[in-house]
Amino acid sequence: MRISNSLRPLLLRTSRASSTTAPERDGTQGGFTLIELLAVLMILSILVTFLVRSVRAAQISVEVGNTKALIQTIGGLVEEYNNEFQRYPPSTFPASLDPKPNRINMGVEMLVISLWRQGRPWQAAEIGEDALGNTDGDSTKTSLTRFSSPDAFELIDVWGNPLAYIHRRDYEKEIHYLTYDEVGLDIEGPVKGGVSRKTGDPHRKSSFQIISAGPDGFFGTADDIANFEIERD
């Protein structure tokens, strides 16, 4: 069939338009592939994990600093007590103490009884109520301190665990303490005075030791904090 000369330009333009607008079917599609999405999610997961760890590390650093400051403040109060009475507060219950709390956390409970004892002309005003706790839940029939509550209070670190207070006479004794680990499980175990690896003598051999179980809640581990230098492995 012949096409007239007048129709040839129109047909040619139509053919060109069709060839330029027809989609290419080469098997590819726009957007991300599944592998690319998985790679992006993996990268985001790594970044989030790194960020969480960095934030937690910074938080622990602040908490450790606050606990060191608390131990220093308590140590100053113990020295004031020694200046006033010519002796450091005991870390075991004397026979004259009646009634007695249970023997868990005894050292720091005796420290609280000494610093806030009834009839004393001054009290440890530098320590706020947020530094007082009662992890083992013991109490006496009547209060042994200037507090109205008969609870056997302890001085606690920023993680809510009792500080261990040890008078030099008791460095070799095992006094049991009740703490909680990072997931809230309770830990009960003996605590003794820290000994220097270099000299073989107790740290602060002529006075007293104050020890925090640190972030992990376990006494005797590398993250302990004390009023002496903890020797790390």
C-alpha atoms as a PDB file:
ATOM      1  CA  MET A   1       0.000   0.000   0.000  1.00  0.00           C
ATOM      2  CA  ARG A   2       1.402   3.318  -0.958  1.00  0.00           C
ATOM      3  CA  ILE A   3       1.547   6.224   1.482  1.00  0.00           C
ATOM      4  CA  SER A   4       0.993   9.597   0.115  1.00  0.00           C
ATOM      5  CA  ASN A   5       3.776  12.105   0.350  1.00  0.00           C
ATOM      6  CA  SER A   6       1.589  14.363   2.488  1.00  0.00           C
ATOM      7  CA  LEU A   7       1.228  11.729   5.228  1.00  0.00           C
ATOM      8  CA  ARG A   8       4.891  10.731   5.460  1.00  0.00           C
ATOM      9  CA  PRO A   9       6.026  13.581   7.818  1.00  0.00           C
ATOM     10  CA  LEU A  10       3.144  12.897  10.226  1.00  0.00           C
ATOM     11  CA  LEU A  11       3.889   9.180  10.436  1.00  0.00           C
ATOM     12  CA  LEU A  12       7.575   9.884  10.961  1.00  0.00           C
ATOM     13  CA  ARG A  13       6.923  12.258  13.897  1.00  0.00           C
ATOM     14  CA  THR A  14       4.542   9.704  15.492  1.00  0.00           C
ATOM     15  CA  SER A  15       7.122   6.934  15.210  1.00  0.00           C
ATOM     16  CA  ARG A  16       9.821   9.087  16.850  1.00  0.00           C
ATOM     17  CA  ALA A  17       7.512  10.082  19.704  1.00  0.00           C
ATOM     18  CA  SER A  18       6.637   6.464  20.386  1.00  0.00           C
ATOM     19  CA  SER A  19      10.289   5.446  20.494  1.00  0.00           C
ATOM     20  CA  THR A  20      11.192   8.206  22.992  1.00  0.00           C
ATOM     21  CA  THR A  21       8.277   7.647  25.396  1.00  0.00           C
ATOM     22  CA  ALA A  22       8.251   3.878  25.466  1.00  0.00           C
ATOM     23  CA  PRO A  23       9.692   2.600  28.816  1.00  0.00           C
ATOM     24  CA  GLU A  24      12.858   0.594  28.731  1.00  0.00           C
ATOM     25  CA  ARG A  25      12.339  -2.900  30.042  1.00  0.00           C
ATOM     26  CA  ASP A  26      15.836  -3.927  31.040  1.00  0.00           C
ATOM     27  CA  GLY A  27      14.783  -5.619  34.290  1.00  0.00           C
ATOM     28  CA  THR A  28      15.854  -2.796  36.683  1.00  0.00           C
ATOM     29  CA  GLN A  29      13.640  -0.810  39.106  1.00  0.00           C
ATOM     30  CA  GLY A  30      14.134   2.416  41.086  1.00  0.00           C
ATOM     31  CA  GLY A  31      14.700   2.592  44.935  1.00  0.00           C
ATOM     32  CA  PHE A  32      16.802   0.502  47.397  1.00  0.00           C
ATOM     33  CA  THR A  33      17.303  -3.210  47.076  1.00  0.00           C
ATOM     34  CA  LEU A  34      16.810  -5.492  50.082  1.00  0.00           C
ATOM     35  CA  ILE A  35      20.567  -5.916  50.525  1.00  0.00           C
ATOM     36  CA  GLU A  36      21.056  -2.149  50.536  1.00  0.00           C
ATOM     37  CA  LEU A  37      18.332  -1.699  53.174  1.00  0.00           C
ATOM     38  CA  LEU A  38      19.888  -4.399  55.363  1.00  0.00           C
ATOM     39  CA  ALA A  39      23.277  -2.716  55.071  1.00  0.00           C
ATOM     40  CA  VAL A  40      21.787   0.638  56.125  1.00  0.00           C
ATOM     41  CA  LEU A  41      20.027  -0.961  59.101  1.00  0.00           C
ATOM     42  CA  MET A  42      23.246  -2.666  60.167  1.00  0.00           C
ATOM     43  CA  ILE A  43      25.157   0.615  60.049  1.00  0.00           C
ATOM     44  CA  LEU A  44      22.442   2.373  62.057  1.00  0.00           C
ATOM     45  CA  SER A  45      22.476  -0.438  64.623  1.00  0.00           C
ATOM     46  CA  ILE A  46      26.242  -0.104  65.052  1.00  0.00           C
ATOM     47  CA  LEU A  47      25.975   3.666  65.456  1.00  0.00           C
ATOM     48  CA  VAL A  48      23.175   3.374  68.043  1.00  0.00           C
ATOM     49  CA  THR A  49      25.141   0.754  70.010  1.00  0.00           C
ATOM     50  CA  PHE A  50      28.226   2.966  69.992  1.00  0.00           C
ATOM     51  CA  LEU A  51      26.179   5.982  71.094  1.00  0.00           C
ATOM     52  CA  VAL A  52      24.507   4.083  73.947  1.00  0.00           C
ATOM     53  CA  ARG A  53      27.854   2.793  75.184  1.00  0.00           C
ATOM     54  CA  SER A  54      29.387   6.247  75.011  1.00  0.00           C
ATOM     55  CA  VAL A  55      26.504   7.788  76.960  1.00  0.00           C
ATOM     56  CA  ARG A  56      26.643   5.011  79.566  1.00  0.00           C
ATOM     57  CA  ALA A  57      30.425   5.390  79.928  1.00  0.00           C
ATOM     58  CA  ALA A  58      30.018   9.135  80.480  1.00  0.00           C
ATOM     59  CA  GLN A  59      27.265   8.503  83.033  1.00  0.00           C
ATOM     60  CA  ILE A  60      29.401   5.997  84.943  1.00  0.00           C
ATOM     61  CA  SER A  61      32.282   8.471  84.964  1.00  0.00           C
ATOM     62  CA  VAL A  62      30.037  11.076  86.617  1.00  0.00           C
ATOM     63  CA  GLU A  63      28.710   8.519  89.123  1.00  0.00           C
ATOM     64  CA  VAL A  64      32.231   7.422  90.042  1.00  0.00           C
ATOM     65  CA  GLY A  65      33.234  11.047  90.562  1.00  0.00           C
ATOM     66  CA  ASN A  66      30.224  11.654  92.812  1.00  0.00           C
ATOM     67  CA  THR A  67      31.005   8.553  94.868  1.00  0.00           C
ATOM     68  CA  LYS A  68      34.637   9.631  95.298  1.00  0.00           C
ATOM     69  CA  ALA A  69      33.424  13.027  96.533  1.00  0.00           C
ATOM     70  CA  LEU A  70      31.011  11.356  98.977  1.00  0.00           C
ATOM     71  CA  ILE A  71      33.760   9.115 100.357  1.00  0.00           C
ATOM     72  CA  GLN A  72      36.001  12.142 100.786  1.00  0.00           C
ATOM     73  CA  THR A  73      33.260  14.015 102.661  1.00  0.00           C
ATOM     74  CA  ILE A  74      32.586  11.044 104.942  1.00  0.00           C
ATOM     75  CA  GLY A  75      36.314  10.657 105.554  1.00  0.00           C
ATOM     76  CA  GLY A  76      36.465  14.275 106.667  1.00  0.00           C
ATOM     77  CA  LEU A  77      33.640  13.693 109.138  1.00  0.00           C
ATOM     78  CA  VAL A  78      35.402  10.633 110.529  1.00  0.00           C
ATOM     79  CA  GLU A  79      38.535  12.713 111.067  1.00  0.00           C
ATOM     80  CA  GLU A  80      36.457  15.374 112.859  1.00  0.00           C
ATOM     81  CA  TYR A  81      35.056  12.631 115.081  1.00  0.00           C
ATOM     82  CA  ASN A  82      38.594  11.461 115.840  1.00  0.00           C
ATOM     83  CA  ASN A  83      39.681  15.007 116.690  1.00  0.00           C
ATOM     84  CA  GLU A  84      36.775  15.370 119.076  1.00  0.00           C
ATOM     85  CA  PHE A  85      36.873  11.969 120.803  1.00  0.00           C
ATOM     86  CA  GLN A  86      40.528  10.959 120.188  1.00  0.00           C
ATOM     87  CA  ARG A  87      39.407   7.757 118.506  1.00  0.00           C
ATOM     88  CA  TYR A  88      37.864   6.693 115.232  1.00  0.00           C
ATOM     89  CA  PRO A  89      34.306   5.356 115.136  1.00  0.00           C
ATOM     90  CA  PRO A  90      34.262   1.571 115.632  1.00  0.00           C
ATOM     91  CA  SER A  91      33.188  -0.756 112.825  1.00  0.00           C
ATOM     92  CA  THR A  92      31.727  -3.483 115.054  1.00  0.00           C
ATOM     93  CA  PHE A  93      28.925  -3.243 117.573  1.00  0.00           C
ATOM     94  CA  PRO A  94      30.224  -2.835 121.136  1.00  0.00           C
ATOM     95  CA  ALA A  95      28.805  -5.053 123.860  1.00  0.00           C
ATOM     96  CA  SER A  96      27.241  -1.969 125.479  1.00  0.00           C
ATOM     97  CA  LEU A  97      25.119  -1.229 122.397  1.00  0.00           C
ATOM     98  CA  ASP A  98      21.565  -2.289 123.107  1.00  0.00           C
ATOM     99  CA  PRO A  99      19.493  -3.071 121.147  1.00  0.00           C
ATOM    100  CA  LYS A 100      21.757  -4.180 118.283  1.00  0.00           C
ATOM    101  CA  PRO A 101      20.781  -4.394 114.606  1.00  0.00           C
ATOM    102  CA  ASN A 102      21.678  -7.547 112.691  1.00  0.00           C
ATOM    103  CA  ARG A 103      25.341  -7.957 111.771  1.00  0.00           C
ATOM    104  CA  ILE A 104      24.891  -7.408 108.012  1.00  0.00           C
ATOM    105  CA  ASN A 105      26.432  -4.049 106.964  1.00  0.00           C
ATOM    106  CA  MET A 106      27.603  -3.681 110.555  1.00  0.00           C
ATOM    107  CA  GLY A 107      30.612  -1.454 109.893  1.00  0.00           C
ATOM    108  CA  VAL A 108      28.810   1.356 108.110  1.00  0.00           C
ATOM    109  CA  GLU A 109      25.759   1.056 110.386  1.00  0.00           C
ATOM    110  CA  MET A 110      28.035   1.585 113.374  1.00  0.00           C
ATOM    111  CA  LEU A 111      29.533   4.583 111.582  1.00  0.00           C
ATOM    112  CA  VAL A 112      26.072   6.143 111.190  1.00  0.00           C
ATOM    113  CA  ILE A 113      25.295   5.430 114.843  1.00  0.00           C
ATOM    114  CA  SER A 114      28.550   7.157 115.811  1.00  0.00           C
ATOM    115  CA  LEU A 115      28.200  10.230 113.590  1.00  0.00           C
ATOM    116  CA  TRP A 116      24.509  10.782 114.363  1.00  0.00           C
ATOM    117  CA  ARG A 117      24.415   9.405 117.879  1.00  0.00           C
ATOM    118  CA  GLN A 118      21.899  10.666 120.386  1.00  0.00           C
ATOM    119  CA  GLY A 119      23.026  13.451 122.696  1.00  0.00           C
ATOM    120  CA  ARG A 120      25.879  14.493 120.431  1.00  0.00           C
ATOM    121  CA  PRO A 121      26.327  18.279 120.218  1.00  0.00           C
ATOM    122  CA  TRP A 122      26.648  18.216 116.422  1.00  0.00           C
ATOM    123  CA  GLN A 123      25.592  15.974 113.606  1.00  0.00           C
ATOM    124  CA  ALA A 124      26.978  15.259 110.153  1.00  0.00           C
ATOM    125  CA  ALA A 125      25.089  18.044 108.420  1.00  0.00           C
ATOM    126  CA  GLU A 126      27.258  17.770 105.298  1.00  0.00           C
ATOM    127  CA  ILE A 127      25.596  14.458 104.422  1.00  0.00           C
ATOM    128  CA  GLY A 128      22.089  14.667 102.984  1.00  0.00           C
ATOM    129  CA  GLU A 129      19.281  12.174 103.449  1.00  0.00           C
ATOM    130  CA  ASP A 130      19.832  10.817  99.933  1.00  0.00           C
ATOM    131  CA  ALA A 131      23.101   9.294 101.198  1.00  0.00           C
ATOM    132  CA  LEU A 132      21.240   7.219 103.802  1.00  0.00           C
ATOM    133  CA  GLY A 133      19.761   3.825 103.040  1.00  0.00           C
ATOM    134  CA  ASN A 134      18.813   0.519 104.624  1.00  0.00           C
ATOM    135  CA  THR A 135      19.561  -2.213 102.102  1.00  0.00           C
ATOM    136  CA  ASP A 136      19.168  -5.105 104.560  1.00  0.00           C
ATOM    137  CA  GLY A 137      15.973  -3.669 106.046  1.00  0.00           C
ATOM    138  CA  ASP A 138      16.949  -4.088 109.711  1.00  0.00           C
ATOM    139  CA  SER A 139      15.853  -1.910 112.598  1.00  0.00           C
ATOM    140  CA  THR A 140      15.850  -1.756 116.378  1.00  0.00           C
ATOM    141  CA  LYS A 141      13.044  -1.322 118.878  1.00  0.00           C
ATOM    142  CA  THR A 142      14.197   2.186 119.670  1.00  0.00           C
ATOM    143  CA  SER A 143      16.304   4.582 117.607  1.00  0.00           C
ATOM    144  CA  LEU A 144      20.038   4.524 118.269  1.00  0.00           C
ATOM    145  CA  THR A 145      20.590   7.822 116.467  1.00  0.00           C
ATOM    146  CA  ARG A 146      19.221  11.333 116.425  1.00  0.00           C
ATOM    147  CA  PHE A 147      16.773  10.231 113.741  1.00  0.00           C
ATOM    148  CA  SER A 148      13.250   9.428 114.857  1.00  0.00           C
ATOM    149  CA  SER A 149      13.214   6.272 112.712  1.00  0.00           C
ATOM    150  CA  PRO A 150      14.583   3.096 114.363  1.00  0.00           C
ATOM    151  CA  ASP A 151      15.988   1.907 111.007  1.00  0.00           C
ATOM    152  CA  ALA A 152      19.625   0.838 111.072  1.00  0.00           C
ATOM    153  CA  PHE A 153      20.745   3.257 108.386  1.00  0.00           C
ATOM    154  CA  GLU A 154      23.812   2.891 106.199  1.00  0.00           C
ATOM    155  CA  LEU A 155      25.688   5.437 104.144  1.00  0.00           C
ATOM    156  CA  ILE A 156      25.160   4.431 100.519  1.00  0.00           C
ATOM    157  CA  ASP A 157      26.888   5.176  97.232  1.00  0.00           C
ATOM    158  CA  VAL A 158      25.169   6.597  94.129  1.00  0.00           C
ATOM    159  CA  TRP A 159      24.155   3.072  93.064  1.00  0.00           C
ATOM    160  CA  GLY A 160      22.217   2.583  96.315  1.00  0.00           C
ATOM    161  CA  ASN A 161      24.660   0.125  97.877  1.00  0.00           C
ATOM    162  CA  PRO A 162      26.119   0.455 101.379  1.00  0.00           C
ATOM    163  CA  LEU A 163      29.648   1.734 101.753  1.00  0.00           C
ATOM    164  CA  ALA A 164      31.941  -0.529 103.736  1.00  0.00           C
ATOM    165  CA  TYR A 165      33.521   1.224 106.697  1.00  0.00           C
ATOM    166  CA  ILE A 166      36.396  -0.599 108.429  1.00  0.00           C
ATOM    167  CA  HIS A 167      38.253   0.565 111.523  1.00  0.00           C
ATOM    168  CA  ARG A 168      41.939  -0.389 111.560  1.00  0.00           C
ATOM    169  CA  ARG A 169      41.302  -2.889 114.357  1.00  0.00           C
ATOM    170  CA  ASP A 170      38.943  -4.810 112.096  1.00  0.00           C
ATOM    171  CA  TYR A 171      40.966  -4.997 108.862  1.00  0.00           C
ATOM    172  CA  GLU A 172      41.396  -8.772 109.244  1.00  0.00           C
ATOM    173  CA  LYS A 173      37.766  -9.435 110.157  1.00  0.00           C
ATOM    174  CA  GLU A 174      35.122 -10.463 107.628  1.00  0.00           C
ATOM    175  CA  ILE A 175      32.012  -8.294 107.909  1.00  0.00           C
ATOM    176  CA  HIS A 176      29.185  -9.288 105.596  1.00  0.00           C
ATOM    177  CA  TYR A 177      27.595  -6.682 103.362  1.00  0.00           C
ATOM    178  CA  LEU A 178      24.430  -6.849 101.282  1.00  0.00           C
ATOM    179  CA  THR A 179      24.569  -5.129  97.895  1.00  0.00           C
ATOM    180  CA  TYR A 180      22.724  -5.295  94.574  1.00  0.00           C
ATOM    181  CA  ASP A 181      24.284  -5.830  91.174  1.00  0.00           C
ATOM    182  CA  GLU A 182      23.512  -3.933  87.964  1.00  0.00           C
ATOM    183  CA  VAL A 183      20.320  -5.909  87.283  1.00  0.00           C
ATOM    184  CA  GLY A 184      19.043  -5.725  90.872  1.00  0.00           C
ATOM    185  CA  LEU A 185      20.055  -9.186  92.138  1.00  0.00           C
ATOM    186  CA  ASP A 186      21.162  -9.182  95.773  1.00  0.00           C
ATOM    187  CA  ILE A 187      24.714 -10.139  96.716  1.00  0.00           C
ATOM    188  CA  GLU A 188      25.823 -10.962 100.249  1.00  0.00           C
ATOM    189  CA  GLY A 189      29.463 -11.568 101.030  1.00  0.00           C
ATOM    190  CA  PRO A 190      32.351 -10.786 103.361  1.00  0.00           C
ATOM    191  CA  VAL A 191      34.423  -7.628 103.102  1.00  0.00           C
ATOM    192  CA  LYS A 192      37.911  -7.250 104.589  1.00  0.00           C
ATOM    193  CA  GLY A 193      40.356  -4.380 104.690  1.00  0.00           C
ATOM    194  CA  GLY A 194      42.300  -3.745 101.491  1.00  0.00           C
ATOM    195  CA  VAL A 195      45.976  -4.735 101.544  1.00  0.00           C
ATOM    196  CA  SER A 196      48.750  -3.152  99.474  1.00  0.00           C
ATOM    197  CA  ARG A 197      50.381  -5.561  97.030  1.00  0.00           C
ATOM    198  CA  LYS A 198      53.623  -3.610  97.268  1.00  0.00           C
ATOM    199  CA  THR A 199      54.072  -3.528 101.046  1.00  0.00           C
ATOM    200  CA  GLY A 200      51.777  -6.329 102.193  1.00  0.00           C
ATOM    201  CA  ASP A 201      50.319  -3.948 104.793  1.00  0.00           C
ATOM    202  CA  PRO A 202      46.733  -2.707 104.963  1.00  0.00           C
ATOM    203  CA  HIS A 203      46.014   0.566 103.218  1.00  0.00           C
ATOM    204  CA  ARG A 204      45.658   3.406 105.731  1.00  0.00           C
ATOM    205  CA  LYS A 205      46.952   0.998 108.387  1.00  0.00           C
ATOM    206  CA  SER A 206      46.690   3.530 111.220  1.00  0.00           C
ATOM    207  CA  SER A 207      43.181   4.838 110.601  1.00  0.00           C
ATOM    208  CA  PHE A 208      40.216   3.487 108.608  1.00  0.00           C
ATOM    209  CA  GLN A 209      39.034   2.427 105.168  1.00  0.00           C
ATOM    210  CA  ILE A 210      35.873   3.372 103.275  1.00  0.00           C
ATOM    211  CA  ILE A 211      35.054   1.261 100.222  1.00  0.00           C
ATOM    212  CA  SER A 212      32.302   1.365  97.589  1.00  0.00           C
ATOM    213  CA  ALA A 213      31.478  -1.774  95.589  1.00  0.00           C
ATOM    214  CA  GLY A 214      31.402   0.412  92.471  1.00  0.00           C
ATOM    215  CA  PRO A 215      29.057   0.193  89.472  1.00  0.00           C
ATOM    216  CA  ASP A 216      28.926  -3.619  89.393  1.00  0.00           C
ATOM    217  CA  GLY A 217      27.816  -3.916  93.038  1.00  0.00           C
ATOM    218  CA  PHE A 218      30.489  -6.510  93.908  1.00  0.00           C
ATOM    219  CA  PHE A 219      33.094  -5.811  96.568  1.00  0.00           C
ATOM    220  CA  GLY A 220      36.617  -6.919  95.692  1.00  0.00           C
ATOM    221  CA  THR A 221      36.453  -6.200  91.944  1.00  0.00           C
ATOM    222  CA  ALA A 222      38.450  -3.767  89.825  1.00  0.00           C
ATOM    223  CA  ASP A 223      35.759  -1.057  89.815  1.00  0.00           C
ATOM    224  CA  ASP A 224      35.729  -0.636  93.610  1.00  0.00           C
ATOM    225  CA  ILE A 225      36.187   2.939  94.852  1.00  0.00           C
ATOM    226  CA  ALA A 226      37.874   3.739  98.155  1.00  0.00           C
ATOM    227  CA  ASN A 227      39.681   6.332 100.251  1.00  0.00           C
ATOM    228  CA  PHE A 228      42.888   4.667  99.067  1.00  0.00           C
ATOM    229  CA  GLU A 229      44.212   3.710  95.651  1.00  0.00           C
ATOM    230  CA  ILE A 230      42.555   0.537  94.351  1.00  0.00           C
ATOM    231  CA  GLU A 231      45.156  -1.679  92.676  1.00  0.00           C
ATOM    232  CA  ARG A 232      43.856  -2.794  89.272  1.00  0.00           C
ATOM    233  CA  ASP A 233      44.931  -5.937  87.452  1.00  0.00           C
END
